[in-house]
């Protein structure tokens, strides 16, 4: 399985939606709350090419984007392949 990381804020509805989809797929993920760990915010900005909104999602260190990007990947049937390391095969 893939290494999934997500930068969040506790009160963010989009963060909750993204985490719900990942959980629905039975995935473990590492969550970084940028409010409780302020240093994670600058890390997120660097990794996400300056994107400031949350969530910011990474699968195997590849920047996926936010909640809408994650759901769009799923709707196109590409998320499962990415999560199993079979994207592009």
Protein backbone atom coordinates (compact mmCIF):
# COMPACT_ATOMS: atom_id res chain seq x y z
CA UNK A 1 0.00 0.00 0.00
CA UNK A 2 0.98 3.59 -0.55
CA UNK A 3 2.22 6.10 1.97
CA UNK A 4 -0.53 8.73 2.30
CA UNK A 5 0.01 12.06 4.06
CA UNK A 6 -2.58 14.77 4.56
CA UNK A 7 -2.17 18.30 5.95
CA UNK A 8 -5.31 19.43 7.74
CA UNK A 9 -7.00 21.77 10.18
CA UNK A 10 -9.33 20.34 12.81
CA UNK A 11 -12.35 22.49 11.86
CA UNK A 12 -12.05 21.97 8.09
CA UNK A 13 -15.00 20.25 6.40
CA UNK A 14 -12.99 19.50 3.26
CA UNK A 15 -10.36 17.82 5.43
CA UNK A 16 -13.05 15.65 7.02
CA UNK A 17 -14.38 14.68 3.57
CA UNK A 18 -10.92 13.75 2.28
CA UNK A 19 -10.15 11.71 5.39
CA UNK A 20 -13.53 9.97 5.10
CA UNK A 21 -12.77 8.87 1.53
CA UNK A 22 -9.34 7.61 2.51
CA UNK A 23 -10.81 5.75 5.50
CA UNK A 24 -13.60 4.32 3.33
CA UNK A 25 -10.89 2.82 1.14
CA UNK A 26 -9.36 1.22 4.24
CA UNK A 27 -6.21 3.35 4.13
CA UNK A 28 -3.98 4.35 6.96
CA UNK A 29 -2.68 7.87 6.54
CA UNK A 30 -0.46 10.28 8.38
CA UNK A 31 -2.25 13.48 9.33
CA UNK A 32 -0.46 16.73 10.05
CA UNK A 33 -2.64 19.37 11.75
CA UNK A 34 -1.08 22.67 10.73
CA UNK A 35 -2.70 24.50 13.64
CA UNK A 36 -1.47 22.23 16.41
CA UNK A 37 1.92 21.84 14.66
CA UNK A 38 2.61 25.30 13.16
CA UNK A 39 5.95 24.24 11.61
CA UNK A 40 3.98 21.84 9.41
CA UNK A 41 2.38 24.80 7.61
CA UNK A 42 5.65 25.95 6.04
CA UNK A 43 6.47 22.33 5.24
CA UNK A 44 3.11 22.03 3.49
CA UNK A 45 3.68 25.24 1.53
CA UNK A 46 7.03 23.95 0.29
CA UNK A 47 5.71 20.54 -0.67
CA UNK A 48 2.48 21.84 -2.24
CA UNK A 49 4.18 24.51 -4.36
CA UNK A 50 2.76 27.35 -2.28
CA UNK A 51 -0.83 26.13 -2.04
CA UNK A 52 -2.22 27.44 1.23
CA UNK A 53 -5.59 25.69 1.45
CA UNK A 54 -6.18 22.49 3.36
CA UNK A 55 -6.27 19.65 2.93
CA UNK A 56 -3.14 19.06 0.91
CA UNK A 57 -2.74 15.39 0.11
CA UNK A 58 0.34 13.41 -0.89
CA UNK A 59 0.50 9.80 -2.03
CA UNK A 60 4.00 8.32 -2.03
CA UNK A 61 5.34 11.91 -1.85
CA UNK A 62 3.43 12.86 -5.02
CA UNK A 63 1.28 15.96 -4.52
CA UNK A 64 -2.34 15.08 -5.28
CA UNK A 65 -3.87 18.41 -4.31
CA UNK A 66 -6.91 19.05 -2.17
CA UNK A 67 -10.18 17.33 -1.40
CA UNK A 68 -11.77 18.06 -4.79
CA UNK A 69 -8.67 16.73 -6.55
CA UNK A 70 -8.82 13.53 -4.50
CA UNK A 71 -12.51 12.98 -5.29
CA UNK A 72 -11.90 13.74 -8.99
CA UNK A 73 -9.18 11.07 -9.10
CA UNK A 74 -11.60 8.63 -7.51
CA UNK A 75 -14.40 9.54 -9.94
CA UNK A 76 -12.06 8.89 -12.89
CA UNK A 77 -11.14 5.50 -11.42
CA UNK A 78 -7.50 6.53 -10.98
CA UNK A 79 -7.25 6.74 -7.20
CA UNK A 80 -7.24 3.01 -6.47
CA UNK A 81 -4.46 2.39 -9.02
CA UNK A 82 -2.41 5.21 -7.52
CA UNK A 83 -2.90 3.83 -4.03
CA UNK A 84 -1.76 0.36 -5.03
CA UNK A 85 1.23 1.65 -7.00
CA UNK A 86 -0.24 0.54 -10.32
CA UNK A 87 -0.87 3.98 -11.85
CA UNK A 88 0.34 4.20 -15.43
CA UNK A 89 0.83 0.45 -15.81
